[in-house]
Amino acid sequence: MVNLGKLPILWPSRWSVESSMFASIRIGTSGFAYDDWVGGFYPRSIKPPQRLLYYAQHFKTVEINSTFYQLPALPSVYGMLRKVPEDFDFIVKAHRDLTHGTRARAQETLSKFRVMLEAYRTEHKLGGVLIQFPMAFLPSADNVEYLRWLVDCFESQTRLVIEFRHAKWFTEETMAFLRELRAALCIVDMPQVLQLPTSRIEVTGPIAYFRFHGQNAREWEKPSTRDERYDYEYSESELSQWVEPIATVAKQAEQTYVFFNNHYRGKAARNAITLQKFLTNRFGQVAVGT
C-alpha cells in the first residue's frame, strides 16, 4: 500500500501534459556497470567502456552506487562525465564511512568525497547525493545531532537525499526535521518485513526521490547475497500503481528522481523503461524528459 503522507492528491483532470512539473521527472537505475546486464539490457556486442554510452541513450540520470564502497580516482570520474550528454546527471551515493562508521572516520573521508563531488559539480552533472543509513541507525538524540552535522558538512547547494532503513524514523517529527535541513526523504519500495519502512510519500526538500528495491521478502528476512535480495522484477500492474504518486510528487518538487535498485540481470533497467513508458503514455514525452 502506498502511503501518500500529507500531500494533496491531484486528480488527472487537473494535470496538463505541457506542465513543467512533468519535465522534471527523471528515471534511471542504481548503477549501470553490471556484467550480468549483458544480454538482458546491454547487447552482447557491447564492451564495458561503452556501457554508459548505451545507458545514456535510454535514461537521463544514474545513481552511482560504487562510491559507497570505494571513491574513484578523479581521471575515472572525468572519463565517465565525458561520455554522457549535456542534460544527463548523476546521483552519487555517500561513502559508507559517512553512514556506517564513526564521526572520526567520516571526517577523514569527507574531504576526499567532497573533492570528487566537485568534479561532478564543475561539469554541471551533479544531481545530488544519496545518504543511506543502515537499519541499526535508529532515532536518538545522538543520531539526530549526527545527521544535522553531516548535512552541514556539504555545500548548501548540494541536494541531499536521506534514506532510512528503519521504520522508527517515519514520524511527523522526522519529516519536520528533514524539512528544516532541506534534505529529501528517500521514498522506498521494499518488503514489509523486519523493521523496514513503508512507502511514505512526502516532499521534504527541493527534490523528491523514489528508490525501488523490489519485493523479495524472503531474501530480506534471512542472510542473503546482494544478488539474491535484489533478484526481483516488478510486474506492469505493480508499476502502474506508482504513476499517480509520482505525478503527485512531481507537482511538489523542483525535480523528481526515480531509481530502480533491483539490479539483478538487468531487471532494474527493464522496469525503469516500463515505468518511463507508462508516464510518457499518460502525460507525453515531457513527463520524463525523453
Protein backbone atom coordinates (compact mmCIF):
# COMPACT_ATOMS: atom_id res chain seq x y z
CA MET A 1 0.00 0.00 0.00
CA VAL A 2 1.37 3.40 -0.99
CA ASN A 3 1.23 6.00 1.79
CA LEU A 4 0.72 9.48 0.37
CA GLY A 5 1.52 11.18 3.67
CA LYS A 6 0.01 14.67 3.79
CA LEU A 7 0.47 15.59 0.15
CA PRO A 8 -2.65 16.88 -1.62
CA ILE A 9 -3.97 14.35 -4.09
CA LEU A 10 -4.23 15.93 -7.54
CA TRP A 11 -6.63 14.19 -9.85
CA PRO A 12 -5.70 13.57 -13.52
CA SER A 13 -8.22 16.11 -14.86
CA ARG A 14 -6.15 18.87 -13.26
CA TRP A 15 -2.87 17.83 -14.87
CA SER A 16 -1.55 19.26 -18.12
CA VAL A 17 0.85 17.50 -20.49
CA GLU A 18 2.51 20.87 -21.07
CA SER A 19 3.11 21.47 -17.35
CA SER A 20 6.77 21.95 -16.45
CA MET A 21 6.33 19.75 -13.39
CA PHE A 22 6.46 16.61 -15.52
CA ALA A 23 9.57 17.76 -17.37
CA SER A 24 11.35 17.39 -14.04
CA ILE A 25 10.84 13.61 -13.67
CA ARG A 26 13.99 11.59 -14.25
CA ILE A 27 14.04 7.80 -14.21
CA GLY A 28 17.13 5.60 -14.03
CA THR A 29 18.80 2.74 -12.22
CA SER A 30 21.04 2.28 -9.21
CA GLY A 31 24.28 1.58 -11.02
CA PHE A 32 24.90 0.65 -14.63
CA ALA A 33 28.17 -1.32 -14.85
CA TYR A 34 26.82 -4.80 -14.19
CA ASP A 35 28.25 -7.73 -16.13
CA ASP A 36 25.00 -9.68 -15.80
CA TRP A 37 23.12 -6.96 -17.71
CA VAL A 38 24.74 -8.14 -20.93
CA GLY A 39 22.05 -9.93 -22.90
CA GLY A 40 19.29 -8.66 -20.64
CA PHE A 41 19.78 -4.93 -21.25
CA TYR A 42 23.12 -4.39 -22.95
CA PRO A 43 23.68 -6.00 -26.35
CA ARG A 44 26.20 -8.84 -26.23
CA SER A 45 28.49 -6.87 -28.55
CA ILE A 46 28.82 -4.00 -26.02
CA LYS A 47 32.22 -3.68 -24.35
CA PRO A 48 32.44 -2.36 -20.74
CA PRO A 49 33.68 1.14 -21.73
CA GLN A 50 30.63 1.52 -23.98
CA ARG A 51 28.00 0.65 -21.38
CA LEU A 52 27.41 4.18 -20.08
CA LEU A 53 27.13 5.48 -23.65
CA TYR A 54 24.41 2.92 -24.32
CA TYR A 55 22.71 3.53 -20.98
CA ALA A 56 22.52 7.28 -21.66
CA GLN A 57 20.54 6.58 -24.82
CA HIS A 58 17.71 5.30 -22.61
CA PHE A 59 17.92 7.39 -19.45
CA LYS A 60 18.93 10.90 -18.36
CA THR A 61 20.22 10.04 -14.90
CA VAL A 62 22.00 7.30 -13.00
CA GLU A 63 22.66 6.60 -9.34
CA ILE A 64 26.33 5.82 -8.70
CA ASN A 65 26.43 3.13 -6.02
CA SER A 66 30.10 2.14 -6.27
CA THR A 67 31.12 5.27 -4.33
CA PHE A 68 29.59 3.67 -1.25
CA TYR A 69 32.40 1.12 -1.28
CA GLN A 70 35.33 2.99 -2.83
CA LEU A 71 35.96 6.51 -4.07
CA PRO A 72 37.16 6.53 -7.69
CA ALA A 73 40.21 8.37 -8.95
CA LEU A 74 39.38 11.75 -10.49
CA PRO A 75 40.53 10.75 -14.01
CA SER A 76 37.94 7.94 -13.90
CA VAL A 77 35.23 10.40 -12.87
CA TYR A 78 36.07 12.84 -15.65
CA GLY A 79 36.22 9.99 -18.15
CA MET A 80 32.69 8.99 -17.17
CA LEU A 81 31.44 12.58 -17.33
CA ARG A 82 32.71 12.94 -20.89
CA LYS A 83 30.60 10.01 -22.06
CA VAL A 84 27.18 11.45 -21.29
CA PRO A 85 25.07 14.20 -22.93
CA GLU A 86 24.92 17.71 -21.50
CA ASP A 87 21.49 17.15 -19.94
CA PHE A 88 22.49 13.94 -18.15
CA ASP A 89 23.14 13.98 -14.39
CA PHE A 90 24.38 11.72 -11.61
CA ILE A 91 23.23 10.99 -8.08
CA VAL A 92 26.31 9.99 -6.08
CA LYS A 93 25.91 7.67 -3.11
CA ALA A 94 27.77 8.72 0.03
CA HIS A 95 30.69 6.54 1.09
CA ARG A 96 29.89 4.10 3.88
CA ASP A 97 32.33 5.87 6.21
CA LEU A 98 29.77 8.69 6.36
CA THR A 99 26.86 6.44 7.31
CA HIS A 100 28.13 3.19 8.76
CA GLY A 101 31.09 4.27 10.88
CA THR A 102 32.25 6.78 13.47
CA ARG A 103 32.30 10.56 13.15
CA ALA A 104 36.09 10.49 13.18
CA ARG A 105 36.07 8.09 10.22
CA ALA A 106 33.51 10.24 8.45
CA GLN A 107 35.67 13.34 8.88
CA GLU A 108 38.62 11.54 7.31
CA THR A 109 36.61 10.55 4.24
CA LEU A 110 34.52 13.71 3.80
CA SER A 111 37.29 15.83 2.33
CA LYS A 112 38.03 13.23 -0.36
CA PHE A 113 34.35 12.74 -1.06
CA ARG A 114 33.78 16.48 -1.49
CA VAL A 115 36.71 16.74 -3.90
CA MET A 116 35.12 14.02 -6.00
CA LEU A 117 31.73 15.77 -5.89
CA GLU A 118 33.33 18.96 -7.15
CA ALA A 119 34.27 17.18 -10.37
CA TYR A 120 30.58 16.44 -10.99
CA ARG A 121 29.58 19.94 -9.96
CA THR A 122 32.04 21.78 -12.21
CA GLU A 123 30.74 19.78 -15.18
CA HIS A 124 27.13 20.60 -14.16
CA LYS A 125 26.36 16.90 -13.76
CA LEU A 126 25.68 16.61 -10.03
CA GLY A 127 22.03 15.82 -9.39
CA GLY A 128 22.52 15.20 -5.69
CA VAL A 129 23.95 12.93 -3.00
CA LEU A 130 22.21 9.86 -1.58
CA ILE A 131 22.96 9.24 2.10
CA GLN A 132 21.79 5.75 3.06
CA PHE A 133 21.88 4.77 6.71
CA PRO A 134 21.75 1.15 7.92
CA MET A 135 18.87 -0.43 9.80
CA ALA A 136 20.93 -0.15 13.00
CA PHE A 137 20.83 3.66 12.72
CA LEU A 138 17.85 4.36 14.99
CA PRO A 139 16.23 7.62 16.11
CA SER A 140 18.12 9.04 19.08
CA ALA A 141 19.41 12.40 20.23
CA ASP A 142 22.94 11.44 19.18
CA ASN A 143 21.91 10.25 15.73
CA VAL A 144 19.74 13.30 15.10
CA GLU A 145 22.67 15.50 16.04
CA TYR A 146 24.99 13.46 13.80
CA LEU A 147 22.61 13.80 10.86
CA ARG A 148 22.46 17.56 11.35
CA TRP A 149 26.26 17.70 11.49
CA LEU A 150 26.64 15.58 8.36
CA VAL A 151 24.21 17.69 6.34
CA ASP A 152 26.04 20.83 7.42
CA CYS A 153 29.29 19.36 6.06
CA PHE A 154 28.03 19.71 2.48
CA GLU A 155 27.82 22.81 0.33
CA SER A 156 24.44 24.46 0.72
CA GLN A 157 23.66 23.98 -2.99
CA THR A 158 24.20 20.21 -2.78
CA ARG A 159 20.85 18.44 -2.92
CA LEU A 160 20.84 15.71 -0.29
CA VAL A 161 18.64 12.62 -0.03
CA ILE A 162 18.34 10.69 3.23
CA GLU A 163 17.42 7.00 3.13
CA PHE A 164 16.43 5.45 6.43
CA ARG A 165 16.23 1.68 6.69
CA HIS A 166 14.27 1.50 9.95
CA ALA A 167 10.55 2.22 10.29
CA LYS A 168 11.01 4.11 13.56
CA TRP A 169 12.28 7.14 11.64
CA PHE A 170 9.00 7.57 9.78
CA THR A 171 7.28 10.05 12.08
CA GLU A 172 5.96 13.59 11.76
CA GLU A 173 8.94 14.76 13.83
CA THR A 174 11.39 13.25 11.34
CA MET A 175 9.59 14.78 8.38
CA ALA A 176 9.72 18.21 10.03
CA PHE A 177 13.41 17.71 10.81
CA LEU A 178 14.20 16.84 7.19
CA ARG A 179 12.32 19.93 6.02
CA GLU A 180 14.37 22.01 8.44
CA LEU A 181 17.53 20.52 6.92
CA ARG A 182 16.15 20.91 3.37
CA ALA A 183 17.01 17.27 2.79
CA ALA A 184 14.83 14.93 0.73
CA LEU A 185 13.27 11.83 2.21
CA CYS A 186 14.11 8.76 0.14
CA ILE A 187 10.74 7.21 -0.70
CA VAL A 188 11.35 3.47 -0.74
CA ASP A 189 9.52 0.48 -2.10
CA MET A 190 10.70 -2.62 -0.28
CA PRO A 191 9.28 -5.65 1.53
CA GLN A 192 7.28 -5.03 4.70
CA VAL A 193 9.34 -7.37 6.86
CA LEU A 194 11.54 -6.93 9.90
CA GLN A 195 11.50 -3.21 10.72
CA LEU A 196 11.85 -1.94 7.14
CA PRO A 197 9.94 1.26 6.36
CA THR A 198 6.73 1.65 4.40
CA SER A 199 6.41 3.74 1.26
CA ARG A 200 5.68 7.06 2.92
CA ILE A 201 5.48 9.68 0.20
CA GLU A 202 6.43 13.17 1.30
CA VAL A 203 8.46 16.01 -0.18
CA THR A 204 10.82 17.35 2.46
CA GLY A 205 13.46 19.04 0.29
CA PRO A 206 13.93 20.67 -3.11
CA ILE A 207 13.82 17.28 -4.84
CA ALA A 208 11.72 14.16 -4.48
CA TYR A 209 13.37 10.77 -4.62
CA PHE A 210 11.98 7.27 -5.17
CA ARG A 211 14.04 4.11 -4.77
CA PHE A 212 12.66 0.71 -5.77
CA HIS A 213 14.37 -2.21 -4.03
CA GLY A 214 11.97 -4.95 -5.11
CA GLN A 215 9.63 -7.08 -3.01
CA ASN A 216 11.75 -10.17 -2.47
CA ALA A 217 10.61 -10.52 1.15
CA ARG A 218 12.01 -13.98 1.81
CA GLU A 219 15.55 -12.88 0.94
CA TRP A 220 15.34 -9.82 3.22
CA GLU A 221 14.29 -11.96 6.16
CA LYS A 222 17.40 -14.16 6.10
CA PRO A 223 21.12 -13.76 5.41
CA SER A 224 21.41 -13.45 1.64
CA THR A 225 23.68 -12.12 -1.05
CA ARG A 226 23.05 -8.78 -2.70
CA ASP A 227 22.03 -10.51 -5.93
CA GLU A 228 19.55 -12.75 -4.10
CA ARG A 229 17.97 -9.80 -2.28
CA TYR A 230 17.53 -7.69 -5.40
CA ASP A 231 16.51 -10.52 -7.73
CA TYR A 232 13.01 -9.17 -8.32
CA GLU A 233 11.18 -7.90 -11.38
CA TYR A 234 8.14 -5.65 -10.91
CA SER A 235 5.06 -6.55 -12.90
CA GLU A 236 3.36 -3.97 -15.10
CA SER A 237 0.46 -3.97 -12.65
CA GLU A 238 2.79 -3.11 -9.76
CA LEU A 239 4.48 -0.32 -11.69
CA SER A 240 1.22 1.19 -12.92
CA GLN A 241 0.20 1.82 -9.30
CA TRP A 242 3.11 4.25 -8.95
CA VAL A 243 2.15 6.57 -11.80
CA GLU A 244 -0.26 8.62 -9.67
CA PRO A 245 2.03 9.01 -6.61
CA ILE A 246 5.00 10.00 -8.80
CA ALA A 247 2.89 12.56 -10.64
CA THR A 248 1.59 13.93 -7.34
CA VAL A 249 5.12 14.37 -6.01
CA ALA A 250 6.28 15.97 -9.25
CA LYS A 251 3.79 18.76 -8.56
CA GLN A 252 5.52 19.48 -5.24
CA ALA A 253 9.22 19.17 -6.04
CA GLU A 254 11.67 21.07 -8.22
CA GLN A 255 12.98 17.74 -9.54
CA THR A 256 11.78 14.18 -9.10
CA TYR A 257 14.09 11.18 -9.38
CA VAL A 258 13.03 7.55 -9.65
CA PHE A 259 15.65 4.81 -9.39
CA PHE A 260 15.39 1.04 -9.57
CA ASN A 261 17.80 -0.93 -7.39
CA ASN A 262 16.52 -4.41 -8.33
CA HIS A 263 19.62 -4.74 -10.45
CA TYR A 264 19.93 -8.50 -10.90
CA ARG A 265 20.27 -9.47 -14.58
CA GLY A 266 19.08 -6.10 -15.86
CA LYS A 267 15.67 -6.19 -14.18
CA ALA A 268 16.15 -2.62 -12.92
CA ALA A 269 16.70 -1.29 -16.44
CA ARG A 270 13.71 -3.14 -17.85
CA ASN A 271 11.44 -1.89 -15.06
CA ALA A 272 12.74 1.67 -15.48
CA ILE A 273 11.95 1.57 -19.19
CA THR A 274 8.44 0.25 -18.49
CA LEU A 275 7.68 2.96 -15.93
CA GLN A 276 9.09 5.56 -18.29
CA LYS A 277 6.68 4.36 -20.96
CA PHE A 278 3.73 4.47 -18.55
CA LEU A 279 4.47 8.08 -17.64
CA THR A 280 5.08 9.05 -21.26
CA ASN A 281 1.83 7.44 -22.41
CA ARG A 282 -0.07 9.23 -19.67
CA PHE A 283 1.47 12.68 -19.84
CA GLY A 284 3.52 12.93 -23.04
CA GLN A 285 7.26 12.90 -23.63
CA VAL A 286 7.76 15.97 -21.47
CA ALA A 287 6.86 13.83 -18.47
CA VAL A 288 10.20 12.04 -18.39
CA GLY A 289 12.41 14.40 -20.35
CA THR A 290 12.97 11.92 -23.18
